[in-house]
Amino acid sequence: MEAIPDTLPLLTYLEIFSDMARKLPFKGYACVFIQHLLGSNIPLIKSIEKGGVGREDMYIIGKAYSSSIEVLKYLE
């Protein structure tokens, strides 16, 4: 079972110093993720959402041979 971290140190640092939640620098954008779906992707996706990309504008495609079942369940 793969751990899904709540945060990643670099993302926390960037969020604190950029005041991203207030400025919403990604508002109006869509985001396409084509990657290995691992636990560490979840904090990244959450940060992008905090930055203004709505869930309806996120498109996530995992690599079939390396996607974590726990991460897929979490994203559903």
N, C-alpha and C. Protein backbone atom coordinates (compact mmCIF):
# COMPACT_ATOMS: atom_id res chain seq x y z
N MET A 1 0.85 -1.19 0.00
CA MET A 1 0.00 0.00 0.00
C MET A 1 0.89 1.24 0.00
N GLU A 2 0.64 2.11 -0.93
CA GLU A 2 1.45 3.32 -1.06
C GLU A 2 0.89 4.45 -0.20
N ALA A 3 1.79 5.15 0.44
CA ALA A 3 1.39 6.28 1.27
C ALA A 3 1.08 7.49 0.39
N ILE A 4 0.03 8.20 0.76
CA ILE A 4 -0.32 9.44 0.08
C ILE A 4 -0.02 10.57 1.07
N PRO A 5 1.05 11.31 0.84
CA PRO A 5 1.41 12.38 1.79
C PRO A 5 0.43 13.54 1.74
N ASP A 6 0.27 14.21 2.86
CA ASP A 6 -0.59 15.40 2.92
C ASP A 6 0.06 16.58 2.22
N THR A 7 1.36 16.69 2.35
CA THR A 7 2.09 17.82 1.78
C THR A 7 3.46 17.35 1.29
N LEU A 8 4.09 18.20 0.52
CA LEU A 8 5.48 18.02 0.12
C LEU A 8 6.22 19.29 0.52
N PRO A 9 7.41 19.18 1.09
CA PRO A 9 8.09 20.37 1.61
C PRO A 9 8.24 21.51 0.61
N LEU A 10 8.61 21.23 -0.61
CA LEU A 10 8.80 22.31 -1.58
C LEU A 10 7.48 22.99 -1.92
N LEU A 11 6.41 22.22 -2.06
CA LEU A 11 5.11 22.83 -2.34
C LEU A 11 4.65 23.70 -1.19
N THR A 12 4.86 23.23 0.04
CA THR A 12 4.49 24.03 1.21
C THR A 12 5.27 25.35 1.22
N TYR A 13 6.55 25.28 0.95
CA TYR A 13 7.39 26.48 0.89
C TYR A 13 6.88 27.45 -0.17
N LEU A 14 6.58 26.94 -1.35
CA LEU A 14 6.11 27.81 -2.44
C LEU A 14 4.76 28.44 -2.12
N GLU A 15 3.86 27.67 -1.53
CA GLU A 15 2.55 28.20 -1.18
C GLU A 15 2.64 29.30 -0.14
N ILE A 16 3.49 29.12 0.85
CA ILE A 16 3.64 30.12 1.92
C ILE A 16 4.19 31.43 1.36
N PHE A 17 5.22 31.34 0.54
CA PHE A 17 5.88 32.55 0.08
C PHE A 17 5.23 33.20 -1.14
N SER A 18 4.36 32.48 -1.83
CA SER A 18 3.72 33.08 -2.98
C SER A 18 2.31 33.57 -2.65
N ASP A 19 1.77 33.19 -1.49
CA ASP A 19 0.40 33.53 -1.13
C ASP A 19 -0.54 33.11 -2.24
N MET A 20 -0.29 31.91 -2.75
CA MET A 20 -0.98 31.39 -3.93
C MET A 20 -2.50 31.31 -3.75
N ALA A 21 -2.95 30.90 -2.57
CA ALA A 21 -4.39 30.74 -2.37
C ALA A 21 -5.15 32.04 -2.55
N ARG A 22 -4.51 33.16 -2.25
CA ARG A 22 -5.19 34.46 -2.39
C ARG A 22 -5.12 34.97 -3.82
N LYS A 23 -4.01 34.77 -4.50
CA LYS A 23 -3.80 35.32 -5.84
C LYS A 23 -4.39 34.47 -6.96
N LEU A 24 -4.56 33.18 -6.73
CA LEU A 24 -5.10 32.25 -7.73
C LEU A 24 -4.44 32.42 -9.11
N PRO A 25 -3.14 32.18 -9.20
CA PRO A 25 -2.43 32.41 -10.46
C PRO A 25 -2.84 31.50 -11.60
N PHE A 26 -3.51 30.38 -11.29
CA PHE A 26 -3.90 29.44 -12.35
C PHE A 26 -5.39 29.53 -12.70
N LYS A 27 -6.09 30.49 -12.15
CA LYS A 27 -7.52 30.64 -12.42
C LYS A 27 -7.74 30.85 -13.92
N GLY A 28 -8.70 30.12 -14.47
CA GLY A 28 -9.00 30.22 -15.89
C GLY A 28 -8.20 29.26 -16.77
N TYR A 29 -7.32 28.48 -16.15
CA TYR A 29 -6.51 27.52 -16.88
C TYR A 29 -7.05 26.11 -16.69
N ALA A 30 -6.71 25.24 -17.61
CA ALA A 30 -6.97 23.80 -17.47
C ALA A 30 -5.62 23.13 -17.31
N CYS A 31 -5.63 21.94 -16.75
CA CYS A 31 -4.37 21.22 -16.51
C CYS A 31 -4.54 19.77 -16.95
N VAL A 32 -3.60 19.29 -17.73
CA VAL A 32 -3.60 17.89 -18.18
C VAL A 32 -2.41 17.20 -17.53
N PHE A 33 -2.68 16.14 -16.79
CA PHE A 33 -1.64 15.34 -16.15
C PHE A 33 -1.53 14.03 -16.91
N ILE A 34 -0.38 13.73 -17.45
CA ILE A 34 -0.11 12.43 -18.07
C ILE A 34 1.16 11.93 -17.39
N GLN A 35 0.99 11.03 -16.44
CA GLN A 35 2.12 10.67 -15.60
C GLN A 35 1.87 9.38 -14.85
N HIS A 36 2.90 8.92 -14.17
CA HIS A 36 2.76 7.80 -13.24
C HIS A 36 1.95 8.34 -12.07
N LEU A 37 0.89 7.68 -11.70
CA LEU A 37 0.06 8.17 -10.59
C LEU A 37 0.56 7.56 -9.30
N LEU A 38 1.33 8.35 -8.59
CA LEU A 38 1.93 7.94 -7.32
C LEU A 38 1.41 8.83 -6.20
N GLY A 39 1.62 8.40 -4.97
CA GLY A 39 1.12 9.16 -3.82
C GLY A 39 1.58 10.60 -3.79
N SER A 40 2.80 10.85 -4.22
CA SER A 40 3.32 12.22 -4.18
C SER A 40 2.66 13.14 -5.19
N ASN A 41 1.88 12.60 -6.12
CA ASN A 41 1.17 13.44 -7.07
C ASN A 41 -0.01 14.17 -6.42
N ILE A 42 -0.58 13.59 -5.39
CA ILE A 42 -1.77 14.16 -4.77
C ILE A 42 -1.51 15.55 -4.19
N PRO A 43 -0.45 15.77 -3.42
CA PRO A 43 -0.19 17.14 -2.94
C PRO A 43 0.02 18.13 -4.09
N LEU A 44 0.64 17.68 -5.17
CA LEU A 44 0.83 18.56 -6.34
C LEU A 44 -0.52 18.95 -6.94
N ILE A 45 -1.39 17.98 -7.11
CA ILE A 45 -2.72 18.24 -7.67
C ILE A 45 -3.50 19.18 -6.75
N LYS A 46 -3.41 18.96 -5.43
CA LYS A 46 -4.09 19.84 -4.47
C LYS A 46 -3.55 21.27 -4.56
N SER A 47 -2.24 21.41 -4.73
CA SER A 47 -1.64 22.74 -4.83
C SER A 47 -2.10 23.47 -6.08
N ILE A 48 -2.18 22.75 -7.18
CA ILE A 48 -2.66 23.36 -8.42
C ILE A 48 -4.12 23.79 -8.27
N GLU A 49 -4.89 22.97 -7.56
CA GLU A 49 -6.29 23.34 -7.30
C GLU A 49 -6.36 24.59 -6.41
N LYS A 50 -5.52 24.66 -5.37
CA LYS A 50 -5.47 25.86 -4.53
C LYS A 50 -5.09 27.09 -5.33
N GLY A 51 -4.31 26.87 -6.39
CA GLY A 51 -3.87 27.97 -7.24
C GLY A 51 -4.92 28.44 -8.22
N GLY A 52 -6.08 27.77 -8.27
CA GLY A 52 -7.17 28.28 -9.08
C GLY A 52 -7.70 27.37 -10.17
N VAL A 53 -7.05 26.25 -10.46
CA VAL A 53 -7.58 25.33 -11.47
C VAL A 53 -8.70 24.52 -10.83
N GLY A 54 -9.89 24.58 -11.41
CA GLY A 54 -11.02 23.83 -10.88
C GLY A 54 -10.91 22.36 -11.21
N ARG A 55 -11.52 21.52 -10.38
CA ARG A 55 -11.48 20.07 -10.63
C ARG A 55 -12.05 19.70 -11.99
N GLU A 56 -13.04 20.45 -12.42
CA GLU A 56 -13.64 20.18 -13.73
C GLU A 56 -12.69 20.51 -14.88
N ASP A 57 -11.63 21.22 -14.59
CA ASP A 57 -10.63 21.59 -15.60
C ASP A 57 -9.33 20.81 -15.45
N MET A 58 -9.38 19.71 -14.67
CA MET A 58 -8.21 18.84 -14.52
C MET A 58 -8.48 17.54 -15.25
N TYR A 59 -7.55 17.14 -16.06
CA TYR A 59 -7.66 15.90 -16.82
C TYR A 59 -6.45 15.04 -16.46
N ILE A 60 -6.72 13.88 -15.88
CA ILE A 60 -5.65 13.07 -15.32
C ILE A 60 -5.62 11.72 -16.02
N ILE A 61 -4.48 11.41 -16.62
CA ILE A 61 -4.29 10.15 -17.33
C ILE A 61 -3.07 9.48 -16.72
N GLY A 62 -3.27 8.31 -16.15
CA GLY A 62 -2.17 7.59 -15.53
C GLY A 62 -1.57 6.57 -16.48
N LYS A 63 -0.32 6.24 -16.25
CA LYS A 63 0.35 5.17 -16.98
C LYS A 63 -0.19 3.85 -16.43
N ALA A 64 -0.73 3.00 -17.29
CA ALA A 64 -1.39 1.77 -16.84
C ALA A 64 -0.45 0.84 -16.07
N TYR A 65 0.81 0.82 -16.42
CA TYR A 65 1.74 -0.12 -15.80
C TYR A 65 2.32 0.38 -14.48
N SER A 66 2.06 1.63 -14.12
CA SER A 66 2.70 2.14 -12.90
C SER A 66 1.78 2.99 -12.03
N SER A 67 0.50 2.95 -12.25
CA SER A 67 -0.41 3.75 -11.43
C SER A 67 -0.77 3.01 -10.16
N SER A 68 -0.73 3.71 -9.06
CA SER A 68 -1.07 3.15 -7.76
C SER A 68 -2.59 3.02 -7.63
N ILE A 69 -3.05 1.86 -7.22
CA ILE A 69 -4.49 1.63 -7.02
C ILE A 69 -5.04 2.58 -5.96
N GLU A 70 -4.28 2.80 -4.88
CA GLU A 70 -4.72 3.70 -3.82
C GLU A 70 -4.90 5.12 -4.34
N VAL A 71 -3.99 5.56 -5.19
CA VAL A 71 -4.07 6.91 -5.75
C VAL A 71 -5.28 7.01 -6.69
N LEU A 72 -5.51 6.00 -7.49
CA LEU A 72 -6.68 5.99 -8.38
C LEU A 72 -7.97 6.08 -7.57
N LYS A 73 -8.06 5.33 -6.50
CA LYS A 73 -9.26 5.37 -5.64
C LYS A 73 -9.42 6.75 -5.02
N TYR A 74 -8.31 7.33 -4.57
CA TYR A 74 -8.36 8.67 -3.97
C TYR A 74 -8.87 9.70 -4.97
N LEU A 75 -8.38 9.62 -6.20
CA LEU A 75 -8.76 10.60 -7.22
C LEU A 75 -10.21 10.46 -7.66
N GLU A 76 -10.75 9.25 -7.57
CA GLU A 76 -12.16 9.06 -7.95
C GLU A 76 -13.05 9.85 -7.02
